[in-house]
N, C-alpha and C. Protein backbone atom coordinates (compact mmCIF):
# COMPACT_ATOMS: atom_id res chain seq x y z
N UNK A 1 90.95 71.72 192.22
CA UNK A 1 90.07 71.05 191.33
C UNK A 1 88.86 71.93 191.05
N UNK A 2 88.24 71.71 189.91
CA UNK A 2 87.14 72.54 189.46
C UNK A 2 85.83 71.89 189.94
N UNK A 3 85.02 72.75 190.48
CA UNK A 3 83.74 72.22 190.95
C UNK A 3 82.67 72.55 189.93
N UNK A 4 81.75 71.65 189.75
CA UNK A 4 80.67 71.82 188.82
C UNK A 4 79.44 72.29 189.59
N UNK A 5 79.05 73.49 189.37
CA UNK A 5 77.87 74.01 190.02
C UNK A 5 77.08 74.84 189.03
N UNK A 6 76.23 75.68 189.50
CA UNK A 6 75.33 76.44 188.64
C UNK A 6 76.07 77.49 187.81
N UNK A 7 77.31 77.90 188.19
CA UNK A 7 78.07 78.91 187.43
C UNK A 7 78.47 78.38 186.05
N UNK A 8 78.63 77.10 185.98
CA UNK A 8 78.98 76.54 184.67
C UNK A 8 77.81 76.71 183.71
N UNK A 9 76.60 76.62 184.23
CA UNK A 9 75.43 76.82 183.38
C UNK A 9 75.35 78.28 182.94
N UNK A 10 75.68 79.17 183.85
CA UNK A 10 75.67 80.59 183.51
C UNK A 10 76.74 80.89 182.46
N UNK A 11 77.90 80.30 182.62
CA UNK A 11 79.00 80.51 181.66
C UNK A 11 78.62 79.92 180.30
N UNK A 12 77.94 78.80 180.30
CA UNK A 12 77.51 78.20 179.04
C UNK A 12 76.45 79.08 178.38
N UNK A 13 75.56 79.62 179.17
CA UNK A 13 74.54 80.50 178.64
C UNK A 13 75.19 81.78 178.11
N UNK A 14 76.17 82.32 178.86
CA UNK A 14 76.92 83.50 178.40
C UNK A 14 77.64 83.20 177.08
N UNK A 15 78.22 82.02 176.99
CA UNK A 15 78.96 81.64 175.79
C UNK A 15 78.02 81.56 174.59
N UNK A 16 76.86 80.90 174.79
CA UNK A 16 75.90 80.77 173.70
C UNK A 16 75.36 82.15 173.33
N UNK A 17 75.03 82.98 174.34
CA UNK A 17 74.57 84.33 174.08
C UNK A 17 75.64 85.15 173.35
N UNK A 18 76.89 85.01 173.75
CA UNK A 18 78.00 85.70 173.10
C UNK A 18 78.15 85.25 171.64
N UNK A 19 77.95 83.98 171.40
CA UNK A 19 78.04 83.48 170.03
C UNK A 19 76.96 84.13 169.17
N UNK A 20 75.71 84.19 169.68
CA UNK A 20 74.63 84.81 168.93
C UNK A 20 74.87 86.31 168.71
N UNK A 21 75.35 87.00 169.73
CA UNK A 21 75.61 88.44 169.63
C UNK A 21 76.75 88.69 168.64
N UNK A 22 77.84 87.93 168.80
CA UNK A 22 78.98 88.11 167.88
C UNK A 22 78.58 87.77 166.45
N UNK A 23 77.75 86.73 166.33
CA UNK A 23 77.31 86.38 164.98
C UNK A 23 76.51 87.53 164.37
N UNK A 24 75.62 88.10 165.17
CA UNK A 24 74.78 89.18 164.68
C UNK A 24 75.58 90.45 164.42
N UNK A 25 76.54 90.78 165.28
CA UNK A 25 77.28 92.03 165.18
C UNK A 25 78.55 91.93 164.34
N UNK A 26 79.22 90.78 164.29
CA UNK A 26 80.50 90.67 163.59
C UNK A 26 80.47 89.75 162.38
N UNK A 27 80.11 88.50 162.61
CA UNK A 27 80.26 87.52 161.54
C UNK A 27 79.37 87.81 160.33
N UNK A 28 78.08 88.10 160.57
CA UNK A 28 77.16 88.35 159.46
C UNK A 28 77.59 89.60 158.69
N UNK A 29 77.91 90.76 159.32
CA UNK A 29 78.35 91.92 158.56
C UNK A 29 79.67 91.67 157.81
N UNK A 30 80.59 91.00 158.47
CA UNK A 30 81.87 90.71 157.81
C UNK A 30 81.65 89.79 156.62
N UNK A 31 80.82 88.77 156.79
CA UNK A 31 80.52 87.87 155.67
C UNK A 31 79.79 88.63 154.56
N UNK A 32 78.91 89.57 154.93
CA UNK A 32 78.23 90.39 153.93
C UNK A 32 79.21 91.25 153.15
N UNK A 33 80.13 91.88 153.90
CA UNK A 33 81.15 92.71 153.25
C UNK A 33 82.02 91.85 152.35
N UNK A 34 82.37 90.66 152.81
CA UNK A 34 83.20 89.77 152.00
C UNK A 34 82.46 89.31 150.74
N UNK A 35 81.14 89.01 150.90
CA UNK A 35 80.34 88.62 149.72
C UNK A 35 80.23 89.79 148.75
N UNK A 36 80.00 90.99 149.30
CA UNK A 36 79.92 92.18 148.45
C UNK A 36 81.25 92.41 147.73
N UNK A 37 82.34 92.25 148.45
CA UNK A 37 83.68 92.41 147.84
C UNK A 37 83.88 91.36 146.75
N UNK A 38 83.46 90.13 147.03
CA UNK A 38 83.59 89.06 146.04
C UNK A 38 82.78 89.40 144.79
N UNK A 39 81.54 89.89 144.99
CA UNK A 39 80.71 90.28 143.85
C UNK A 39 81.36 91.41 143.06
N UNK A 40 81.90 92.40 143.76
CA UNK A 40 82.59 93.51 143.08
C UNK A 40 83.80 93.01 142.30
N UNK A 41 84.55 92.11 142.91
CA UNK A 41 85.73 91.57 142.23
C UNK A 41 85.32 90.80 140.97
N UNK A 42 84.24 90.01 141.07
CA UNK A 42 83.76 89.27 139.90
C UNK A 42 83.28 90.24 138.82
N UNK A 43 82.58 91.30 139.25
CA UNK A 43 82.11 92.29 138.28
C UNK A 43 83.31 93.00 137.64
N UNK A 44 84.31 93.35 138.45
CA UNK A 44 85.50 94.00 137.91
C UNK A 44 86.25 93.07 136.96
N UNK A 45 86.33 91.78 137.32
CA UNK A 45 86.98 90.81 136.43
C UNK A 45 86.22 90.71 135.11
N UNK A 46 84.89 90.69 135.19
CA UNK A 46 84.08 90.64 133.96
C UNK A 46 84.31 91.88 133.12
N UNK A 47 84.37 93.04 133.77
CA UNK A 47 84.62 94.30 133.05
C UNK A 47 86.00 94.28 132.42
N UNK A 48 86.99 93.78 133.16
CA UNK A 48 88.36 93.70 132.62
C UNK A 48 88.39 92.77 131.41
N UNK A 49 87.72 91.64 131.50
CA UNK A 49 87.69 90.71 130.38
C UNK A 49 87.01 91.34 129.16
N UNK A 50 85.90 92.05 129.42
CA UNK A 50 85.18 92.70 128.32
C UNK A 50 86.05 93.78 127.67
N UNK A 51 86.70 94.58 128.52
CA UNK A 51 87.58 95.62 127.99
C UNK A 51 88.77 95.03 127.23
N UNK A 52 89.28 93.93 127.77
CA UNK A 52 90.40 93.26 127.09
C UNK A 52 89.96 92.75 125.72
N UNK A 53 88.77 92.18 125.63
CA UNK A 53 88.26 91.71 124.34
C UNK A 53 88.05 92.89 123.39
N UNK A 54 87.53 94.01 123.93
CA UNK A 54 87.35 95.20 123.08
C UNK A 54 88.69 95.69 122.55
N UNK A 55 89.69 95.72 123.43
CA UNK A 55 91.02 96.18 123.02
C UNK A 55 91.59 95.24 121.96
N UNK A 56 91.46 93.94 122.18
CA UNK A 56 91.97 92.98 121.20
C UNK A 56 91.24 93.11 119.86
N UNK A 57 89.93 93.33 119.92
CA UNK A 57 89.17 93.49 118.70
C UNK A 57 89.60 94.76 117.97
N UNK A 58 89.73 95.85 118.69
CA UNK A 58 90.14 97.10 118.06
C UNK A 58 91.56 97.01 117.54
N UNK A 59 92.42 96.32 118.28
CA UNK A 59 93.80 96.14 117.81
C UNK A 59 93.84 95.31 116.54
N UNK A 60 93.01 94.26 116.47
CA UNK A 60 92.98 93.45 115.25
C UNK A 60 92.42 94.26 114.08
N UNK A 61 91.40 95.10 114.36
CA UNK A 61 90.88 95.97 113.30
C UNK A 61 91.95 96.95 112.85
N UNK A 62 92.70 97.49 113.81
CA UNK A 62 93.79 98.42 113.48
C UNK A 62 94.84 97.72 112.63
N UNK A 63 95.23 96.53 113.03
CA UNK A 63 96.22 95.77 112.26
C UNK A 63 95.72 95.50 110.84
N UNK A 64 94.44 95.18 110.74
CA UNK A 64 93.87 94.93 109.41
C UNK A 64 93.89 96.19 108.56
N UNK A 65 93.54 97.33 109.18
CA UNK A 65 93.57 98.59 108.44
C UNK A 65 95.00 98.96 108.04
N UNK A 66 95.95 98.72 108.92
CA UNK A 66 97.35 99.01 108.59
C UNK A 66 97.80 98.12 107.43
N UNK A 67 97.43 96.86 107.49
CA UNK A 67 97.80 95.93 106.41
C UNK A 67 97.17 96.38 105.09
N UNK A 68 95.90 96.79 105.15
CA UNK A 68 95.22 97.26 103.94
C UNK A 68 95.89 98.52 103.41
N UNK A 69 96.27 99.43 104.32
CA UNK A 69 96.95 100.66 103.90
C UNK A 69 98.29 100.33 103.25
N UNK A 70 99.01 99.37 103.81
CA UNK A 70 100.29 98.96 103.21
C UNK A 70 100.07 98.39 101.81
N UNK A 71 99.03 97.58 101.66
CA UNK A 71 98.75 97.00 100.34
C UNK A 71 98.39 98.10 99.35
N UNK A 72 97.56 99.06 99.79
CA UNK A 72 97.21 100.18 98.90
C UNK A 72 98.44 100.99 98.52
N UNK A 73 99.31 101.23 99.50
CA UNK A 73 100.53 102.00 99.22
C UNK A 73 101.42 101.25 98.24
N UNK A 74 101.54 99.95 98.40
CA UNK A 74 102.36 99.15 97.48
C UNK A 74 101.76 99.17 96.08
N UNK A 75 100.43 99.09 95.99
CA UNK A 75 99.79 99.15 94.67
C UNK A 75 100.02 100.51 94.01
N UNK A 76 99.89 101.57 94.79
CA UNK A 76 100.13 102.91 94.24
C UNK A 76 101.60 103.05 93.81
N UNK A 77 102.50 102.56 94.65
CA UNK A 77 103.93 102.64 94.33
C UNK A 77 104.21 101.88 93.04
N UNK A 78 103.66 100.68 92.92
CA UNK A 78 103.88 99.88 91.72
C UNK A 78 103.30 100.57 90.48
N UNK A 79 102.12 101.17 90.63
CA UNK A 79 101.54 101.85 89.46
C UNK A 79 102.36 103.08 89.08
N UNK A 80 102.88 103.80 90.08
CA UNK A 80 103.73 104.96 89.79
C UNK A 80 105.02 104.53 89.12
N UNK A 81 105.62 103.45 89.62
CA UNK A 81 106.85 102.93 89.01
C UNK A 81 106.57 102.48 87.58
N UNK A 82 105.42 101.84 87.37
CA UNK A 82 105.08 101.37 86.02
C UNK A 82 104.87 102.56 85.09
N UNK A 83 104.17 103.59 85.57
CA UNK A 83 103.97 104.78 84.75
C UNK A 83 105.30 105.45 84.42
N UNK A 84 106.18 105.51 85.41
CA UNK A 84 107.50 106.10 85.18
C UNK A 84 108.30 105.31 84.16
N UNK A 85 108.23 103.98 84.25
CA UNK A 85 108.95 103.14 83.28
C UNK A 85 108.39 103.34 81.88
N UNK A 86 107.06 103.43 81.79
CA UNK A 86 106.45 103.64 80.47
C UNK A 86 106.83 105.02 79.90
N UNK A 87 106.83 106.02 80.76
CA UNK A 87 107.21 107.37 80.32
C UNK A 87 108.68 107.39 79.89
N UNK A 88 109.53 106.72 80.66
CA UNK A 88 110.95 106.67 80.29
C UNK A 88 111.12 105.94 78.96
N UNK A 89 110.38 104.86 78.78
CA UNK A 89 110.50 104.11 77.53
C UNK A 89 110.05 104.96 76.35
N UNK A 90 108.94 105.68 76.51
CA UNK A 90 108.46 106.51 75.40
C UNK A 90 109.44 107.64 75.11
N UNK A 91 110.04 108.21 76.17
CA UNK A 91 111.03 109.27 75.97
C UNK A 91 112.26 108.72 75.25
N UNK A 92 112.72 107.55 75.66
CA UNK A 92 113.89 106.93 75.03
C UNK A 92 113.58 106.59 73.57
N UNK A 93 112.39 106.08 73.32
CA UNK A 93 112.02 105.76 71.94
C UNK A 93 111.97 107.03 71.08
N UNK A 94 111.45 108.12 71.64
CA UNK A 94 111.39 109.38 70.90
C UNK A 94 112.80 109.88 70.58
N UNK A 95 113.69 109.80 71.58
CA UNK A 95 115.07 110.25 71.36
C UNK A 95 115.77 109.34 70.35
N UNK A 96 115.52 108.04 70.44
CA UNK A 96 116.14 107.11 69.49
C UNK A 96 115.67 107.39 68.06
N UNK A 97 114.43 107.79 67.91
CA UNK A 97 113.95 108.09 66.56
C UNK A 97 114.56 109.39 66.04
N UNK A 98 114.95 110.30 66.94
CA UNK A 98 115.56 111.56 66.52
C UNK A 98 117.06 111.40 66.23
N UNK A 99 117.69 110.37 66.77
CA UNK A 99 119.14 110.21 66.63
C UNK A 99 119.58 110.12 65.17
N UNK A 100 118.96 109.32 64.30
CA UNK A 100 119.43 109.26 62.91
C UNK A 100 119.38 110.63 62.22
N UNK A 101 118.32 111.39 62.44
CA UNK A 101 118.22 112.72 61.81
C UNK A 101 119.32 113.63 62.34
N UNK A 102 119.57 113.58 63.65
CA UNK A 102 120.64 114.40 64.23
C UNK A 102 122.01 113.98 63.69
N UNK A 103 122.21 112.66 63.55
CA UNK A 103 123.48 112.17 63.01
C UNK A 103 123.64 112.63 61.56
N UNK A 104 122.58 112.61 60.80
CA UNK A 104 122.64 113.04 59.41
C UNK A 104 122.97 114.53 59.34
N UNK A 105 122.33 115.34 60.19
CA UNK A 105 122.63 116.77 60.23
C UNK A 105 124.08 117.01 60.64
N UNK A 106 124.54 116.25 61.64
CA UNK A 106 125.91 116.40 62.11
C UNK A 106 126.90 116.03 61.00
N UNK A 107 126.65 114.90 60.33
CA UNK A 107 127.54 114.48 59.24
C UNK A 107 127.55 115.50 58.11
N UNK A 108 126.39 116.04 57.75
CA UNK A 108 126.32 117.06 56.69
C UNK A 108 127.10 118.29 57.10
N UNK A 109 126.95 118.70 58.34
CA UNK A 109 127.66 119.89 58.82
C UNK A 109 129.17 119.65 58.83
N UNK A 110 129.58 118.47 59.32
CA UNK A 110 131.01 118.13 59.34
C UNK A 110 131.56 118.08 57.92
N UNK A 111 130.83 117.45 57.02
CA UNK A 111 131.27 117.37 55.62
C UNK A 111 131.39 118.76 55.01
N UNK A 112 130.43 119.63 55.30
CA UNK A 112 130.49 121.00 54.78
C UNK A 112 131.71 121.74 55.33
N UNK A 113 131.97 121.59 56.64
CA UNK A 113 133.13 122.25 57.23
C UNK A 113 134.44 121.68 56.67
N UNK A 114 134.46 120.34 56.44
CA UNK A 114 135.65 119.72 55.86
C UNK A 114 135.88 120.26 54.45
N UNK A 115 134.81 120.35 53.67
CA UNK A 115 134.94 120.88 52.30
C UNK A 115 135.41 122.33 52.33
N UNK A 116 134.88 123.11 53.24
CA UNK A 116 135.30 124.51 53.35
C UNK A 116 136.76 124.61 53.76
N UNK A 117 137.15 123.74 54.70
CA UNK A 117 138.55 123.74 55.14
C UNK A 117 139.46 123.31 53.99
N UNK A 118 139.05 122.34 53.20
CA UNK A 118 139.86 121.90 52.06
C UNK A 118 140.01 123.03 51.05
N UNK A 119 138.93 123.73 50.80
CA UNK A 119 139.00 124.83 49.84
C UNK A 119 139.96 125.90 50.33
N UNK A 120 139.87 126.22 51.63
CA UNK A 120 140.76 127.24 52.20
C UNK A 120 142.20 126.73 52.13
N UNK A 121 142.39 125.46 52.48
CA UNK A 121 143.74 124.91 52.46
C UNK A 121 144.30 124.84 51.03
N UNK A 122 143.48 124.51 50.04
CA UNK A 122 143.94 124.47 48.66
C UNK A 122 144.42 125.84 48.21
N UNK A 123 143.62 126.85 48.51
CA UNK A 123 144.01 128.18 48.07
C UNK A 123 145.26 128.64 48.82
N UNK A 124 145.30 128.34 50.08
CA UNK A 124 146.47 128.77 50.84
C UNK A 124 147.68 127.90 50.54
N UNK A 125 147.48 126.62 50.27
CA UNK A 125 148.62 125.75 49.98
C UNK A 125 149.28 126.16 48.65
N UNK A 126 148.49 126.59 47.68
CA UNK A 126 149.05 127.07 46.41
C UNK A 126 149.88 128.32 46.66
N UNK A 127 149.35 129.23 47.44
CA UNK A 127 150.07 130.46 47.72
C UNK A 127 151.33 130.18 48.51
N UNK A 128 151.22 129.30 49.54
CA UNK A 128 152.39 128.98 50.36
C UNK A 128 153.45 128.27 49.53
N UNK A 129 153.04 127.35 48.65
CA UNK A 129 154.03 126.64 47.81
C UNK A 129 154.74 127.60 46.85
N UNK A 130 154.02 128.59 46.33
CA UNK A 130 154.65 129.60 45.48
C UNK A 130 155.65 130.43 46.28
N UNK A 131 155.24 130.81 47.52
CA UNK A 131 156.15 131.58 48.37
C UNK A 131 157.41 130.78 48.69
N UNK A 132 157.23 129.49 48.99
CA UNK A 132 158.39 128.65 49.31
C UNK A 132 159.29 128.51 48.08
N UNK A 133 158.69 128.28 46.93
CA UNK A 133 159.48 128.11 45.70
C UNK A 133 160.24 129.38 45.37
N UNK A 134 159.61 130.55 45.57
CA UNK A 134 160.28 131.83 45.31
C UNK A 134 161.45 132.01 46.26
N UNK A 135 161.28 131.63 47.49
CA UNK A 135 162.36 131.79 48.46
C UNK A 135 163.50 130.83 48.17
N UNK A 136 163.14 129.62 47.78
CA UNK A 136 164.20 128.63 47.50
C UNK A 136 164.94 129.04 46.24
N UNK A 137 164.23 129.47 45.21
CA UNK A 137 164.86 129.84 43.96
C UNK A 137 165.43 131.25 44.00
N UNK A 138 164.89 132.05 44.85
CA UNK A 138 165.36 133.40 44.99
C UNK A 138 164.87 134.32 43.89
N UNK A 139 163.84 133.97 43.20
CA UNK A 139 163.27 134.81 42.16
C UNK A 139 161.76 134.63 42.11
N UNK A 140 161.06 135.42 41.42
CA UNK A 140 159.64 135.38 41.30
C UNK A 140 159.23 134.32 40.29
N UNK A 141 158.16 133.57 40.53
CA UNK A 141 157.76 132.48 39.64
C UNK A 141 156.52 132.88 38.82
N UNK A 142 156.01 133.83 38.71
CA UNK A 142 154.78 134.15 38.02
C UNK A 142 154.95 134.46 36.62
């Protein structure tokens, strides 16, 4: 059995003294380090949030600039296509206006060649018919 004497008072005093010493040497520094770590973590979280907002803002600005660039490119493309269509139309209209004159020149040239061919054929057909008649009759027809 345990006897209660003055040693229990010494042990209680040692225990209380140990609590104060441990508190001074261990608990307070550890709690300070933990508070400092907590403050650093909160500061780092704040920095991360700020950086995340900056990134989101810059990304939205980038997206807006990309969208604007796409719109500008589409406008330029449409204007180039429109200019090309107008140029093609004017070229087609110019060629269409030249077609009747070219057709007239072609018809005149064809008619001239046909007339020349007829003249050649008339002169040669007379000569050939005389040659054939002479051969069939066996004598000269002149």
